[in-house]
Amino acid sequence: MAQTKRKRRTKHRGNAAGIVEARGRTSRAVKLSPADEKKQARQQRMLKPPTWQSAATKAAIMSVLLFVLTQVGLLGKHTPLATSIFFAAAAMLIYTPLAYATDVWVYRRNVNKSKQAAAKR
């Protein structure tokens, strides 16, 4: 005997406000716009605690840049290789704690701002 029962169809049903919801999953959260996603990602990134590794990475980039600038001669006349290496190593030692201290200061400022914003809500 052939099957006569049809598959049940989903219907458009209006809610109490008279708005007809789309078919499928309607309980899903509203998707953020690309600008809002970018803003939320930035807020999450700004609330990450600082690390010594990130400070050392920033210091390494700056010391390499200093080495290149002293070798190319953009800061004045051309400097010897040993002097450029010394400047780069000294910069690495000085920039690492400075970068960490700056990151800690920015992190604390952002945490305080987010706490104040949450208290206003």
N, C-alpha and C. Protein backbone atom coordinates (compact mmCIF):
# COMPACT_ATOMS: atom_id res chain seq x y z
N MET A 1 0.83 -1.17 0.00
CA MET A 1 0.00 0.00 0.00
C MET A 1 0.89 1.24 0.00
N ALA A 2 0.56 2.23 -0.79
CA ALA A 2 1.35 3.45 -0.91
C ALA A 2 1.16 4.33 0.33
N GLN A 3 2.21 5.03 0.64
CA GLN A 3 2.13 5.89 1.81
C GLN A 3 1.37 7.16 1.44
N THR A 4 0.40 7.53 2.21
CA THR A 4 -0.44 8.68 1.90
C THR A 4 -0.16 9.86 2.80
N LYS A 5 0.58 9.64 3.86
CA LYS A 5 0.82 10.72 4.81
C LYS A 5 1.89 11.66 4.26
N ARG A 6 1.58 12.93 4.16
CA ARG A 6 2.55 13.92 3.71
C ARG A 6 3.43 14.39 4.86
N LYS A 7 4.60 14.90 4.48
CA LYS A 7 5.49 15.48 5.47
C LYS A 7 4.89 16.79 5.96
N ARG A 8 4.94 17.01 7.25
CA ARG A 8 4.36 18.22 7.82
C ARG A 8 5.18 19.44 7.41
N ARG A 9 4.52 20.50 6.98
CA ARG A 9 5.20 21.74 6.58
C ARG A 9 5.26 22.71 7.76
N THR A 10 6.32 23.50 7.78
CA THR A 10 6.38 24.55 8.79
C THR A 10 5.60 25.74 8.26
N LYS A 11 4.99 26.48 9.14
CA LYS A 11 4.16 27.60 8.73
C LYS A 11 4.77 28.90 9.24
N HIS A 12 4.43 29.97 8.55
CA HIS A 12 4.79 31.29 9.05
C HIS A 12 3.81 31.63 10.15
N ARG A 13 4.33 31.84 11.30
CA ARG A 13 3.44 32.16 12.41
C ARG A 13 3.78 33.57 12.91
N GLY A 14 2.77 34.34 13.15
CA GLY A 14 2.98 35.68 13.70
C GLY A 14 3.10 35.61 15.20
N ASN A 15 3.84 36.53 15.78
CA ASN A 15 3.94 36.58 17.23
C ASN A 15 2.90 37.56 17.78
N ALA A 16 2.93 37.84 19.05
CA ALA A 16 1.92 38.68 19.68
C ALA A 16 1.91 40.10 19.12
N ALA A 17 3.05 40.56 18.64
CA ALA A 17 3.13 41.91 18.09
C ALA A 17 2.70 41.96 16.64
N GLY A 18 2.38 40.80 16.06
CA GLY A 18 1.93 40.77 14.68
C GLY A 18 3.05 40.61 13.67
N ILE A 19 4.25 40.42 14.14
CA ILE A 19 5.41 40.27 13.24
C ILE A 19 5.53 38.80 12.86
N VAL A 20 5.67 38.56 11.57
CA VAL A 20 5.80 37.19 11.09
C VAL A 20 7.28 36.84 11.06
N GLU A 21 7.63 35.78 11.76
CA GLU A 21 9.03 35.37 11.81
C GLU A 21 9.36 34.50 10.62
N ALA A 22 10.62 34.47 10.26
CA ALA A 22 11.07 33.67 9.12
C ALA A 22 11.05 32.19 9.47
N ARG A 23 11.07 31.36 8.43
CA ARG A 23 11.14 29.91 8.67
C ARG A 23 12.48 29.51 9.24
N GLY A 24 12.52 28.35 9.81
CA GLY A 24 13.78 27.83 10.33
C GLY A 24 13.98 28.22 11.77
N ARG A 25 15.23 28.21 12.16
CA ARG A 25 15.55 28.54 13.54
C ARG A 25 15.36 30.02 13.77
N THR A 26 14.44 30.38 14.61
CA THR A 26 14.21 31.79 14.92
C THR A 26 14.73 32.16 16.29
N SER A 27 15.25 31.22 17.03
CA SER A 27 15.73 31.50 18.37
C SER A 27 17.19 31.94 18.40
N ARG A 28 17.81 31.95 17.24
CA ARG A 28 19.23 32.29 17.15
C ARG A 28 19.44 33.77 17.49
N ALA A 29 20.56 34.09 18.12
CA ALA A 29 20.87 35.47 18.48
C ALA A 29 21.08 36.30 17.22
N VAL A 30 20.86 37.58 17.34
CA VAL A 30 21.00 38.49 16.20
C VAL A 30 22.47 38.57 15.83
N LYS A 31 22.75 38.46 14.55
CA LYS A 31 24.13 38.51 14.06
C LYS A 31 24.61 39.95 14.08
N LEU A 32 25.83 40.15 14.56
CA LEU A 32 26.40 41.49 14.63
C LEU A 32 26.85 41.94 13.26
N SER A 33 26.82 43.25 13.07
CA SER A 33 27.33 43.80 11.82
C SER A 33 28.85 43.72 11.85
N PRO A 34 29.52 43.80 10.70
CA PRO A 34 30.99 43.74 10.69
C PRO A 34 31.65 44.82 11.56
N ALA A 35 31.05 46.01 11.58
CA ALA A 35 31.62 47.08 12.40
C ALA A 35 31.50 46.75 13.89
N ASP A 36 30.35 46.18 14.28
CA ASP A 36 30.18 45.80 15.68
C ASP A 36 31.07 44.63 16.07
N GLU A 37 31.27 43.68 15.14
CA GLU A 37 32.19 42.57 15.41
C GLU A 37 33.60 43.08 15.63
N LYS A 38 34.01 44.04 14.80
CA LYS A 38 35.36 44.61 14.91
C LYS A 38 35.52 45.35 16.25
N LYS A 39 34.47 46.09 16.64
CA LYS A 39 34.53 46.81 17.90
C LYS A 39 34.60 45.85 19.09
N GLN A 40 33.82 44.78 19.03
CA GLN A 40 33.82 43.80 20.12
C GLN A 40 35.16 43.07 20.19
N ALA A 41 35.74 42.75 19.03
CA ALA A 41 37.05 42.08 19.02
C ALA A 41 38.12 42.99 19.62
N ARG A 42 38.03 44.27 19.31
CA ARG A 42 39.02 45.22 19.85
C ARG A 42 38.88 45.32 21.38
N GLN A 43 37.64 45.36 21.87
CA GLN A 43 37.42 45.43 23.31
C GLN A 43 37.98 44.20 24.00
N GLN A 44 37.79 43.02 23.41
CA GLN A 44 38.32 41.79 24.00
C GLN A 44 39.84 41.81 24.01
N ARG A 45 40.44 42.34 22.93
CA ARG A 45 41.90 42.39 22.83
C ARG A 45 42.46 43.37 23.86
N MET A 46 41.75 44.47 24.09
CA MET A 46 42.24 45.47 25.03
C MET A 46 42.13 45.01 26.48
N LEU A 47 41.30 44.00 26.74
CA LEU A 47 41.13 43.51 28.11
C LEU A 47 42.00 42.29 28.41
N LYS A 48 42.90 41.93 27.48
CA LYS A 48 43.83 40.83 27.75
C LYS A 48 44.97 41.35 28.62
N PRO A 49 45.32 40.63 29.69
CA PRO A 49 46.41 41.10 30.53
C PRO A 49 47.75 41.07 29.80
N PRO A 50 48.65 42.01 30.14
CA PRO A 50 49.94 42.07 29.45
C PRO A 50 50.85 40.90 29.86
N THR A 51 51.76 40.56 28.95
CA THR A 51 52.73 39.50 29.24
C THR A 51 54.13 40.01 28.93
N TRP A 52 55.11 39.38 29.56
CA TRP A 52 56.49 39.74 29.27
C TRP A 52 56.87 39.34 27.85
N GLN A 53 56.26 38.28 27.35
CA GLN A 53 56.57 37.84 25.99
C GLN A 53 56.13 38.89 24.96
N SER A 54 54.96 39.47 25.15
CA SER A 54 54.52 40.49 24.21
C SER A 54 55.40 41.74 24.31
N ALA A 55 55.82 42.06 25.53
CA ALA A 55 56.72 43.21 25.71
C ALA A 55 58.07 42.94 25.05
N ALA A 56 58.58 41.71 25.18
CA ALA A 56 59.86 41.37 24.55
C ALA A 56 59.74 41.39 23.02
N THR A 57 58.60 40.98 22.50
CA THR A 57 58.39 41.02 21.05
C THR A 57 58.42 42.46 20.54
N LYS A 58 57.72 43.35 21.25
CA LYS A 58 57.73 44.77 20.86
C LYS A 58 59.14 45.34 20.94
N ALA A 59 59.87 44.99 22.01
CA ALA A 59 61.23 45.49 22.17
C ALA A 59 62.14 44.94 21.08
N ALA A 60 61.96 43.70 20.70
CA ALA A 60 62.77 43.10 19.64
C ALA A 60 62.53 43.80 18.30
N ILE A 61 61.28 44.10 18.01
CA ILE A 61 60.96 44.81 16.76
C ILE A 61 61.62 46.18 16.75
N MET A 62 61.54 46.88 17.87
CA MET A 62 62.14 48.22 17.92
C MET A 62 63.67 48.16 17.87
N SER A 63 64.26 47.17 18.50
CA SER A 63 65.72 47.08 18.46
C SER A 63 66.22 46.68 17.06
N VAL A 64 65.48 45.82 16.38
CA VAL A 64 65.84 45.49 14.99
C VAL A 64 65.72 46.72 14.11
N LEU A 65 64.66 47.50 14.33
CA LEU A 65 64.50 48.74 13.56
C LEU A 65 65.65 49.71 13.84
N LEU A 66 66.06 49.81 15.09
CA LEU A 66 67.20 50.66 15.44
C LEU A 66 68.47 50.16 14.76
N PHE A 67 68.68 48.84 14.75
CA PHE A 67 69.86 48.27 14.09
C PHE A 67 69.87 48.60 12.60
N VAL A 68 68.71 48.44 11.96
CA VAL A 68 68.63 48.72 10.52
C VAL A 68 68.88 50.20 10.25
N LEU A 69 68.29 51.06 11.06
CA LEU A 69 68.47 52.49 10.84
C LEU A 69 69.92 52.92 11.05
N THR A 70 70.61 52.32 12.01
CA THR A 70 72.02 52.69 12.21
C THR A 70 72.90 52.12 11.11
N GLN A 71 72.54 50.97 10.56
CA GLN A 71 73.34 50.38 9.47
C GLN A 71 73.11 51.11 8.14
N VAL A 72 71.88 51.48 7.88
CA VAL A 72 71.58 52.17 6.62
C VAL A 72 72.12 53.59 6.66
N GLY A 73 72.13 54.19 7.83
CA GLY A 73 72.67 55.52 7.96
C GLY A 73 71.61 56.59 7.93
N LEU A 74 70.38 56.24 8.23
CA LEU A 74 69.31 57.23 8.21
C LEU A 74 69.34 58.14 9.43
N LEU A 75 70.02 57.72 10.48
CA LEU A 75 70.11 58.55 11.68
C LEU A 75 71.34 59.46 11.65
N GLY A 76 72.03 59.51 10.59
CA GLY A 76 73.25 60.31 10.46
C GLY A 76 74.22 59.56 9.57
N LYS A 77 75.48 59.60 9.94
CA LYS A 77 76.45 58.87 9.13
C LYS A 77 76.43 57.38 9.46
N HIS A 78 77.02 56.57 8.62
CA HIS A 78 77.07 55.11 8.76
C HIS A 78 77.87 54.75 10.02
N THR A 79 77.33 53.84 10.84
CA THR A 79 78.02 53.42 12.06
C THR A 79 78.58 52.01 11.88
N PRO A 80 79.65 51.68 12.58
CA PRO A 80 80.23 50.33 12.48
C PRO A 80 79.24 49.27 12.98
N LEU A 81 79.45 48.04 12.51
CA LEU A 81 78.56 46.92 12.84
C LEU A 81 78.52 46.65 14.34
N ALA A 82 79.69 46.66 14.98
CA ALA A 82 79.74 46.37 16.42
C ALA A 82 78.95 47.40 17.22
N THR A 83 79.04 48.65 16.81
CA THR A 83 78.30 49.70 17.51
C THR A 83 76.80 49.53 17.33
N SER A 84 76.39 49.18 16.12
CA SER A 84 74.97 48.97 15.85
C SER A 84 74.42 47.79 16.66
N ILE A 85 75.20 46.72 16.77
CA ILE A 85 74.79 45.56 17.55
C ILE A 85 74.68 45.94 19.04
N PHE A 86 75.64 46.71 19.53
CA PHE A 86 75.60 47.16 20.92
C PHE A 86 74.36 48.01 21.19
N PHE A 87 74.07 48.97 20.29
CA PHE A 87 72.87 49.80 20.45
C PHE A 87 71.60 48.96 20.44
N ALA A 88 71.55 47.98 19.55
CA ALA A 88 70.35 47.13 19.45
C ALA A 88 70.17 46.30 20.73
N ALA A 89 71.27 45.75 21.26
CA ALA A 89 71.18 44.95 22.48
C ALA A 89 70.79 45.83 23.68
N ALA A 90 71.38 47.01 23.75
CA ALA A 90 71.02 47.93 24.84
C ALA A 90 69.56 48.35 24.74
N ALA A 91 69.12 48.59 23.52
CA ALA A 91 67.72 48.97 23.32
C ALA A 91 66.79 47.84 23.75
N MET A 92 67.17 46.61 23.46
CA MET A 92 66.36 45.46 23.84
C MET A 92 66.23 45.39 25.37
N LEU A 93 67.33 45.61 26.07
CA LEU A 93 67.31 45.57 27.53
C LEU A 93 66.50 46.71 28.13
N ILE A 94 66.54 47.86 27.50
CA ILE A 94 65.81 49.02 28.02
C ILE A 94 64.34 48.98 27.61
N TYR A 95 64.06 48.61 26.36
CA TYR A 95 62.69 48.66 25.84
C TYR A 95 61.79 47.59 26.45
N THR A 96 62.32 46.44 26.83
CA THR A 96 61.46 45.36 27.34
C THR A 96 60.70 45.77 28.60
N PRO A 97 61.37 46.25 29.67
CA PRO A 97 60.59 46.66 30.85
C PRO A 97 59.72 47.89 30.58
N LEU A 98 60.19 48.78 29.70
CA LEU A 98 59.37 49.95 29.38
C LEU A 98 58.10 49.54 28.64
N ALA A 99 58.21 48.61 27.73
CA ALA A 99 57.03 48.13 26.99
C ALA A 99 56.07 47.42 27.94
N TYR A 100 56.61 46.63 28.87
CA TYR A 100 55.75 45.93 29.83
C TYR A 100 55.03 46.93 30.74
N ALA A 101 55.77 47.93 31.21
CA ALA A 101 55.16 48.94 32.09
C ALA A 101 54.06 49.71 31.34
N THR A 102 54.30 50.02 30.10
CA THR A 102 53.30 50.71 29.29
C THR A 102 52.07 49.82 29.08
N ASP A 103 52.29 48.54 28.81
CA ASP A 103 51.18 47.60 28.62
C ASP A 103 50.35 47.47 29.90
N VAL A 104 51.01 47.42 31.05
CA VAL A 104 50.30 47.31 32.33
C VAL A 104 49.46 48.56 32.55
N TRP A 105 50.02 49.73 32.26
CA TRP A 105 49.31 50.99 32.44
C TRP A 105 48.06 51.04 31.54
N VAL A 106 48.22 50.67 30.27
CA VAL A 106 47.10 50.67 29.33
C VAL A 106 46.05 49.64 29.75
N TYR A 107 46.48 48.46 30.19
CA TYR A 107 45.56 47.41 30.63
C TYR A 107 44.73 47.88 31.82
N ARG A 108 45.38 48.46 32.81
CA ARG A 108 44.65 48.92 34.00
C ARG A 108 43.67 50.03 33.64
N ARG A 109 44.07 50.92 32.76
CA ARG A 109 43.18 52.01 32.33
C ARG A 109 41.95 51.43 31.62
N ASN A 110 42.16 50.45 30.74
CA ASN A 110 41.04 49.86 30.01
C ASN A 110 40.12 49.06 30.93
N VAL A 111 40.68 48.37 31.91
CA VAL A 111 39.85 47.62 32.86
C VAL A 111 39.00 48.59 33.67
N ASN A 112 39.60 49.69 34.12
CA ASN A 112 38.84 50.68 34.88
C ASN A 112 37.72 51.29 34.03
N LYS A 113 38.01 51.57 32.77
CA LYS A 113 36.99 52.13 31.87
C LYS A 113 35.85 51.14 31.67
N SER A 114 36.17 49.86 31.48
CA SER A 114 35.12 48.87 31.27
C SER A 114 34.29 48.67 32.53
N LYS A 115 34.91 48.76 33.71
CA LYS A 115 34.16 48.65 34.95
C LYS A 115 33.22 49.83 35.13
N GLN A 116 33.69 51.02 34.78
CA GLN A 116 32.84 52.21 34.88
C GLN A 116 31.68 52.13 33.89
N ALA A 117 31.95 51.64 32.70
CA ALA A 117 30.88 51.50 31.70
C ALA A 117 29.86 50.47 32.15
N ALA A 118 30.32 49.39 32.78
CA ALA A 118 29.40 48.35 33.25
C ALA A 118 28.57 48.89 34.44
N ALA A 119 29.15 49.75 35.25
CA ALA A 119 28.42 50.30 36.39
C ALA A 119 27.33 51.27 35.93
N LYS A 120 27.55 51.95 34.81
CA LYS A 120 26.55 52.88 34.28
C LYS A 120 25.34 52.16 33.69
N ARG A 121 25.55 50.93 33.24
CA ARG A 121 24.44 50.18 32.60
C ARG A 121 23.42 49.75 33.57
